[in-house]
Amino acid sequence: MNVTDIVEIVNYILGHPSAKFDPIAADVNGDGVVNVTDIVSVVNIILSDPVAARELLGDDEDE
């Protein structure tokens, strides 16, 4: 999972899903509804990975 997945879910919620959007995969918490709760779940998954978290938060250790 990455930031692209968050963008895909947001676009779906706003009524603009991409052709590759998969609502079954986007229902991260498995409640049968794709909503903001799923976005939060994706963010939590990303933040549990230190490398992905640095990328999401824009924390570049090389600076």
PDB file of N, CA and C in Angstrom:
ATOM      1  N   MET A   1       0.841  -1.174   0.000  1.00  0.00           N
ATOM      2  CA  MET A   1       0.000   0.000   0.000  1.00  0.00           C
ATOM      3  C   MET A   1       0.888   1.239   0.000  1.00  0.00           C
ATOM      4  N   ASN A   2       0.379   2.273  -0.663  1.00  0.00           N
ATOM      5  CA  ASN A   2       1.142   3.516  -0.713  1.00  0.00           C
ATOM      6  C   ASN A   2       0.182   4.697  -0.890  1.00  0.00           C
ATOM      7  N   VAL A   3       0.743   5.859  -1.068  1.00  0.00           N
ATOM      8  CA  VAL A   3      -0.058   7.081  -1.180  1.00  0.00           C
ATOM      9  C   VAL A   3      -0.997   7.015  -2.384  1.00  0.00           C
ATOM     10  N   THR A   4      -0.607   6.333  -3.420  1.00  0.00           N
ATOM     11  CA  THR A   4      -1.474   6.185  -4.599  1.00  0.00           C
ATOM     12  C   THR A   4      -2.793   5.520  -4.215  1.00  0.00           C
ATOM     13  N   ASP A   5      -2.741   4.564  -3.301  1.00  0.00           N
ATOM     14  CA  ASP A   5      -3.968   3.910  -2.852  1.00  0.00           C
ATOM     15  C   ASP A   5      -4.894   4.894  -2.151  1.00  0.00           C
ATOM     16  N   ILE A   6      -4.327   5.811  -1.389  1.00  0.00           N
ATOM     17  CA  ILE A   6      -5.134   6.840  -0.729  1.00  0.00           C
ATOM     18  C   ILE A   6      -5.810   7.715  -1.778  1.00  0.00           C
ATOM     19  N   VAL A   7      -5.061   8.134  -2.770  1.00  0.00           N
ATOM     20  CA  VAL A   7      -5.610   8.980  -3.842  1.00  0.00           C
ATOM     21  C   VAL A   7      -6.732   8.249  -4.574  1.00  0.00           C
ATOM     22  N   GLU A   8      -6.535   6.968  -4.841  1.00  0.00           N
ATOM     23  CA  GLU A   8      -7.567   6.179  -5.526  1.00  0.00           C
ATOM     24  C   GLU A   8      -8.862   6.130  -4.715  1.00  0.00           C
ATOM     25  N   ILE A   9      -8.746   5.926  -3.407  1.00  0.00           N
ATOM     26  CA  ILE A   9      -9.942   5.873  -2.563  1.00  0.00           C
ATOM     27  C   ILE A   9     -10.621   7.236  -2.504  1.00  0.00           C
ATOM     28  N   VAL A  10      -9.844   8.294  -2.360  1.00  0.00           N
ATOM     29  CA  VAL A  10     -10.424   9.645  -2.330  1.00  0.00           C
ATOM     30  C   VAL A  10     -11.164   9.928  -3.634  1.00  0.00           C
ATOM     31  N   ASN A  11     -10.541   9.610  -4.762  1.00  0.00           N
ATOM     32  CA  ASN A  11     -11.199   9.840  -6.053  1.00  0.00           C
ATOM     33  C   ASN A  11     -12.499   9.049  -6.159  1.00  0.00           C
ATOM     34  N   TYR A  12     -12.506   7.826  -5.657  1.00  0.00           N
ATOM     35  CA  TYR A  12     -13.722   7.006  -5.669  1.00  0.00           C
ATOM     36  C   TYR A  12     -14.812   7.667  -4.825  1.00  0.00           C
ATOM     37  N   ILE A  13     -14.448   8.081  -3.616  1.00  0.00           N
ATOM     38  CA  ILE A  13     -15.422   8.717  -2.727  1.00  0.00           C
ATOM     39  C   ILE A  13     -15.990   9.984  -3.359  1.00  0.00           C
ATOM     40  N   LEU A  14     -15.148  10.716  -4.091  1.00  0.00           N
ATOM     41  CA  LEU A  14     -15.595  11.953  -4.747  1.00  0.00           C
ATOM     42  C   LEU A  14     -16.330  11.709  -6.054  1.00  0.00           C
ATOM     43  N   GLY A  15     -16.453  10.437  -6.430  1.00  0.00           N
ATOM     44  CA  GLY A  15     -17.207  10.099  -7.632  1.00  0.00           C
ATOM     45  C   GLY A  15     -16.397  10.078  -8.904  1.00  0.00           C
ATOM     46  N   HIS A  16     -15.083   9.980  -8.781  1.00  0.00           N
ATOM     47  CA  HIS A  16     -14.203   9.977  -9.948  1.00  0.00           C
ATOM     48  C   HIS A  16     -13.220   8.804  -9.897  1.00  0.00           C
ATOM     49  N   PRO A  17     -13.735   7.566  -9.835  1.00  0.00           N
ATOM     50  CA  PRO A  17     -12.813   6.429  -9.744  1.00  0.00           C
ATOM     51  C   PRO A  17     -12.048   6.232 -11.054  1.00  0.00           C
ATOM     52  N   SER A  18     -10.821   5.779 -10.931  1.00  0.00           N
ATOM     53  CA  SER A  18     -10.040   5.463 -12.127  1.00  0.00           C
ATOM     54  C   SER A  18     -10.479   4.103 -12.643  1.00  0.00           C
ATOM     55  N   ALA A  19     -10.067   3.789 -13.851  1.00  0.00           N
ATOM     56  CA  ALA A  19     -10.419   2.510 -14.463  1.00  0.00           C
ATOM     57  C   ALA A  19      -9.830   1.336 -13.681  1.00  0.00           C
ATOM     58  N   LYS A  20      -8.726   1.565 -12.984  1.00  0.00           N
ATOM     59  CA  LYS A  20      -8.079   0.480 -12.253  1.00  0.00           C
ATOM     60  C   LYS A  20      -8.569   0.356 -10.802  1.00  0.00           C
ATOM     61  N   PHE A  21      -9.502   1.192 -10.382  1.00  0.00           N
ATOM     62  CA  PHE A  21      -9.990   1.155  -9.003  1.00  0.00           C
ATOM     63  C   PHE A  21     -10.689  -0.163  -8.708  1.00  0.00           C
ATOM     64  N   ASP A  22     -10.351  -0.773  -7.574  1.00  0.00           N
ATOM     65  CA  ASP A  22     -10.946  -2.036  -7.143  1.00  0.00           C
ATOM     66  C   ASP A  22     -11.628  -1.814  -5.797  1.00  0.00           C
ATOM     67  N   PRO A  23     -12.957  -1.677  -5.788  1.00  0.00           N
ATOM     68  CA  PRO A  23     -13.649  -1.387  -4.532  1.00  0.00           C
ATOM     69  C   PRO A  23     -13.506  -2.489  -3.488  1.00  0.00           C
ATOM     70  N   ILE A  24     -13.323  -3.715  -3.917  1.00  0.00           N
ATOM     71  CA  ILE A  24     -13.145  -4.804  -2.953  1.00  0.00           C
ATOM     72  C   ILE A  24     -11.807  -4.636  -2.222  1.00  0.00           C
ATOM     73  N   ALA A  25     -10.761  -4.331  -2.977  1.00  0.00           N
ATOM     74  CA  ALA A  25      -9.447  -4.113  -2.367  1.00  0.00           C
ATOM     75  C   ALA A  25      -9.429  -2.833  -1.542  1.00  0.00           C
ATOM     76  N   ALA A  26     -10.195  -1.832  -1.962  1.00  0.00           N
ATOM     77  CA  ALA A  26     -10.214  -0.541  -1.266  1.00  0.00           C
ATOM     78  C   ALA A  26     -10.957  -0.606   0.059  1.00  0.00           C
ATOM     79  N   ASP A  27     -11.810  -1.609   0.233  1.00  0.00           N
ATOM     80  CA  ASP A  27     -12.546  -1.775   1.489  1.00  0.00           C
ATOM     81  C   ASP A  27     -11.617  -2.434   2.507  1.00  0.00           C
ATOM     82  N   VAL A  28     -10.637  -1.667   2.954  1.00  0.00           N
ATOM     83  CA  VAL A  28      -9.550  -2.179   3.790  1.00  0.00           C
ATOM     84  C   VAL A  28     -10.059  -2.767   5.103  1.00  0.00           C
ATOM     85  N   ASN A  29     -11.057  -2.149   5.707  1.00  0.00           N
ATOM     86  CA  ASN A  29     -11.551  -2.652   6.990  1.00  0.00           C
ATOM     87  C   ASN A  29     -12.638  -3.715   6.835  1.00  0.00           C
ATOM     88  N   GLY A  30     -13.036  -4.024   5.604  1.00  0.00           N
ATOM     89  CA  GLY A  30     -13.948  -5.127   5.339  1.00  0.00           C
ATOM     90  C   GLY A  30     -15.375  -4.933   5.803  1.00  0.00           C
ATOM     91  N   ASP A  31     -15.828  -3.676   5.891  1.00  0.00           N
ATOM     92  CA  ASP A  31     -17.198  -3.441   6.343  1.00  0.00           C
ATOM     93  C   ASP A  31     -18.202  -3.318   5.205  1.00  0.00           C
ATOM     94  N   GLY A  32     -17.747  -3.509   3.967  1.00  0.00           N
ATOM     95  CA  GLY A  32     -18.647  -3.452   2.823  1.00  0.00           C
ATOM     96  C   GLY A  32     -18.870  -2.057   2.267  1.00  0.00           C
ATOM     97  N   VAL A  33     -18.195  -1.054   2.839  1.00  0.00           N
ATOM     98  CA  VAL A  33     -18.341   0.330   2.402  1.00  0.00           C
ATOM     99  C   VAL A  33     -16.945   0.933   2.233  1.00  0.00           C
ATOM    100  N   VAL A  34     -16.739   1.628   1.113  1.00  0.00           N
ATOM    101  CA  VAL A  34     -15.474   2.334   0.905  1.00  0.00           C
ATOM    102  C   VAL A  34     -15.691   3.777   1.337  1.00  0.00           C
ATOM    103  N   ASN A  35     -14.987   4.178   2.398  1.00  0.00           N
ATOM    104  CA  ASN A  35     -15.170   5.524   2.928  1.00  0.00           C
ATOM    105  C   ASN A  35     -13.888   6.004   3.613  1.00  0.00           C
ATOM    106  N   VAL A  36     -13.998   7.101   4.350  1.00  0.00           N
ATOM    107  CA  VAL A  36     -12.837   7.709   4.996  1.00  0.00           C
ATOM    108  C   VAL A  36     -12.178   6.746   5.985  1.00  0.00           C
ATOM    109  N   THR A  37     -12.947   5.871   6.581  1.00  0.00           N
ATOM    110  CA  THR A  37     -12.367   4.890   7.494  1.00  0.00           C
ATOM    111  C   THR A  37     -11.325   4.038   6.784  1.00  0.00           C
ATOM    112  N   ASP A  38     -11.569   3.704   5.533  1.00  0.00           N
ATOM    113  CA  ASP A  38     -10.602   2.932   4.758  1.00  0.00           C
ATOM    114  C   ASP A  38      -9.346   3.747   4.472  1.00  0.00           C
ATOM    115  N   ILE A  39      -9.512   5.044   4.241  1.00  0.00           N
ATOM    116  CA  ILE A  39      -8.346   5.915   4.034  1.00  0.00           C
ATOM    117  C   ILE A  39      -7.483   5.919   5.298  1.00  0.00           C
ATOM    118  N   VAL A  40      -8.110   6.054   6.447  1.00  0.00           N
ATOM    119  CA  VAL A  40      -7.378   6.045   7.712  1.00  0.00           C
ATOM    120  C   VAL A  40      -6.660   4.709   7.883  1.00  0.00           C
ATOM    121  N   SER A  41      -7.306   3.634   7.525  1.00  0.00           N
ATOM    122  CA  SER A  41      -6.678   2.319   7.627  1.00  0.00           C
ATOM    123  C   SER A  41      -5.445   2.222   6.745  1.00  0.00           C
ATOM    124  N   VAL A  42      -5.530   2.744   5.518  1.00  0.00           N
ATOM    125  CA  VAL A  42      -4.375   2.735   4.617  1.00  0.00           C
ATOM    126  C   VAL A  42      -3.245   3.579   5.199  1.00  0.00           C
ATOM    127  N   VAL A  43      -3.570   4.747   5.720  1.00  0.00           N
ATOM    128  CA  VAL A  43      -2.542   5.601   6.335  1.00  0.00           C
ATOM    129  C   VAL A  43      -1.871   4.861   7.490  1.00  0.00           C
ATOM    130  N   ASN A  44      -2.649   4.188   8.316  1.00  0.00           N
ATOM    131  CA  ASN A  44      -2.074   3.449   9.442  1.00  0.00           C
ATOM    132  C   ASN A  44      -1.162   2.319   8.967  1.00  0.00           C
ATOM    133  N   ILE A  45      -1.537   1.651   7.895  1.00  0.00           N
ATOM    134  CA  ILE A  45      -0.689   0.601   7.329  1.00  0.00           C
ATOM    135  C   ILE A  45       0.621   1.201   6.832  1.00  0.00           C
ATOM    136  N   ILE A  46       0.531   2.311   6.120  1.00  0.00           N
ATOM    137  CA  ILE A  46       1.732   2.966   5.599  1.00  0.00           C
ATOM    138  C   ILE A  46       2.623   3.429   6.748  1.00  0.00           C
ATOM    139  N   LEU A  47       2.025   4.023   7.773  1.00  0.00           N
ATOM    140  CA  LEU A  47       2.816   4.542   8.887  1.00  0.00           C
ATOM    141  C   LEU A  47       3.456   3.439   9.726  1.00  0.00           C
ATOM    142  N   SER A  48       2.944   2.222   9.609  1.00  0.00           N
ATOM    143  CA  SER A  48       3.553   1.114  10.346  1.00  0.00           C
ATOM    144  C   SER A  48       4.852   0.639   9.683  1.00  0.00           C
ATOM    145  N   ASP A  49       5.101   1.113   8.456  1.00  0.00           N
ATOM    146  CA  ASP A  49       6.340   0.803   7.728  1.00  0.00           C
ATOM    147  C   ASP A  49       7.206   2.059   7.752  1.00  0.00           C
ATOM    148  N   PRO A  50       8.325   2.039   8.470  1.00  0.00           N
ATOM    149  CA  PRO A  50       9.136   3.261   8.613  1.00  0.00           C
ATOM    150  C   PRO A  50       9.570   3.890   7.297  1.00  0.00           C
ATOM    151  N   VAL A  51       9.923   3.086   6.311  1.00  0.00           N
ATOM    152  CA  VAL A  51      10.348   3.636   5.023  1.00  0.00           C
ATOM    153  C   VAL A  51       9.172   4.315   4.329  1.00  0.00           C
ATOM    154  N   ALA A  52       8.028   3.662   4.306  1.00  0.00           N
ATOM    155  CA  ALA A  52       6.841   4.240   3.679  1.00  0.00           C
ATOM    156  C   ALA A  52       6.373   5.476   4.437  1.00  0.00           C
ATOM    157  N   ALA A  53       6.503   5.453   5.755  1.00  0.00           N
ATOM    158  CA  ALA A  53       6.092   6.607   6.554  1.00  0.00           C
ATOM    159  C   ALA A  53       6.935   7.828   6.219  1.00  0.00           C
ATOM    160  N   ARG A  54       8.252   7.634   6.091  1.00  0.00           N
ATOM    161  CA  ARG A  54       9.114   8.764   5.720  1.00  0.00           C
ATOM    162  C   ARG A  54       8.717   9.311   4.353  1.00  0.00           C
ATOM    163  N   GLU A  55       8.391   8.426   3.433  1.00  0.00           N
ATOM    164  CA  GLU A  55       7.980   8.862   2.094  1.00  0.00           C
ATOM    165  C   GLU A  55       6.667   9.638   2.166  1.00  0.00           C
ATOM    166  N   LEU A  56       5.707   9.116   2.909  1.00  0.00           N
ATOM    167  CA  LEU A  56       4.400   9.766   3.042  1.00  0.00           C
ATOM    168  C   LEU A  56       4.525  11.135   3.686  1.00  0.00           C
ATOM    169  N   LEU A  57       5.356  11.223   4.711  1.00  0.00           N
ATOM    170  CA  LEU A  57       5.487  12.468   5.457  1.00  0.00           C
ATOM    171  C   LEU A  57       6.503  13.422   4.855  1.00  0.00           C
ATOM    172  N   GLY A  58       7.185  12.989   3.793  1.00  0.00           N
ATOM    173  CA  GLY A  58       8.147  13.851   3.124  1.00  0.00           C
ATOM    174  C   GLY A  58       9.393  14.069   3.948  1.00  0.00           C
ATOM    175  N   ASP A  59       9.735  13.114   4.790  1.00  0.00           N
ATOM    176  CA  ASP A  59      10.912  13.218   5.636  1.00  0.00           C
ATOM    177  C   ASP A  59      12.098  12.596   4.915  1.00  0.00           C
ATOM    178  N   ASP A  60      12.943  13.422   4.366  1.00  0.00           N
ATOM    179  CA  ASP A  60      14.097  12.949   3.610  1.00  0.00           C
ATOM    180  C   ASP A  60      15.328  13.034   4.501  1.00  0.00           C
ATOM    181  N   GLU A  61      15.877  11.875   4.860  1.00  0.00           N
ATOM    182  CA  GLU A  61      17.034  11.852   5.750  1.00  0.00           C
ATOM    183  C   GLU A  61      18.296  12.403   5.115  1.00  0.00           C
ATOM    184  N   ASP A  62      18.327  12.518   3.794  1.00  0.00           N
ATOM    185  CA  ASP A  62      19.525  13.003   3.093  1.00  0.00           C
ATOM    186  C   ASP A  62      19.703  14.509   3.205  1.00  0.00           C
ATOM    187  N   GLU A  63      18.708  15.225   3.672  1.00  0.00           N
ATOM    188  CA  GLU A  63      18.801  16.681   3.749  1.00  0.00           C
ATOM    189  C   GLU A  63      19.543  17.129   4.971  1.00  0.00           C
TER     190      GLU A  63
END
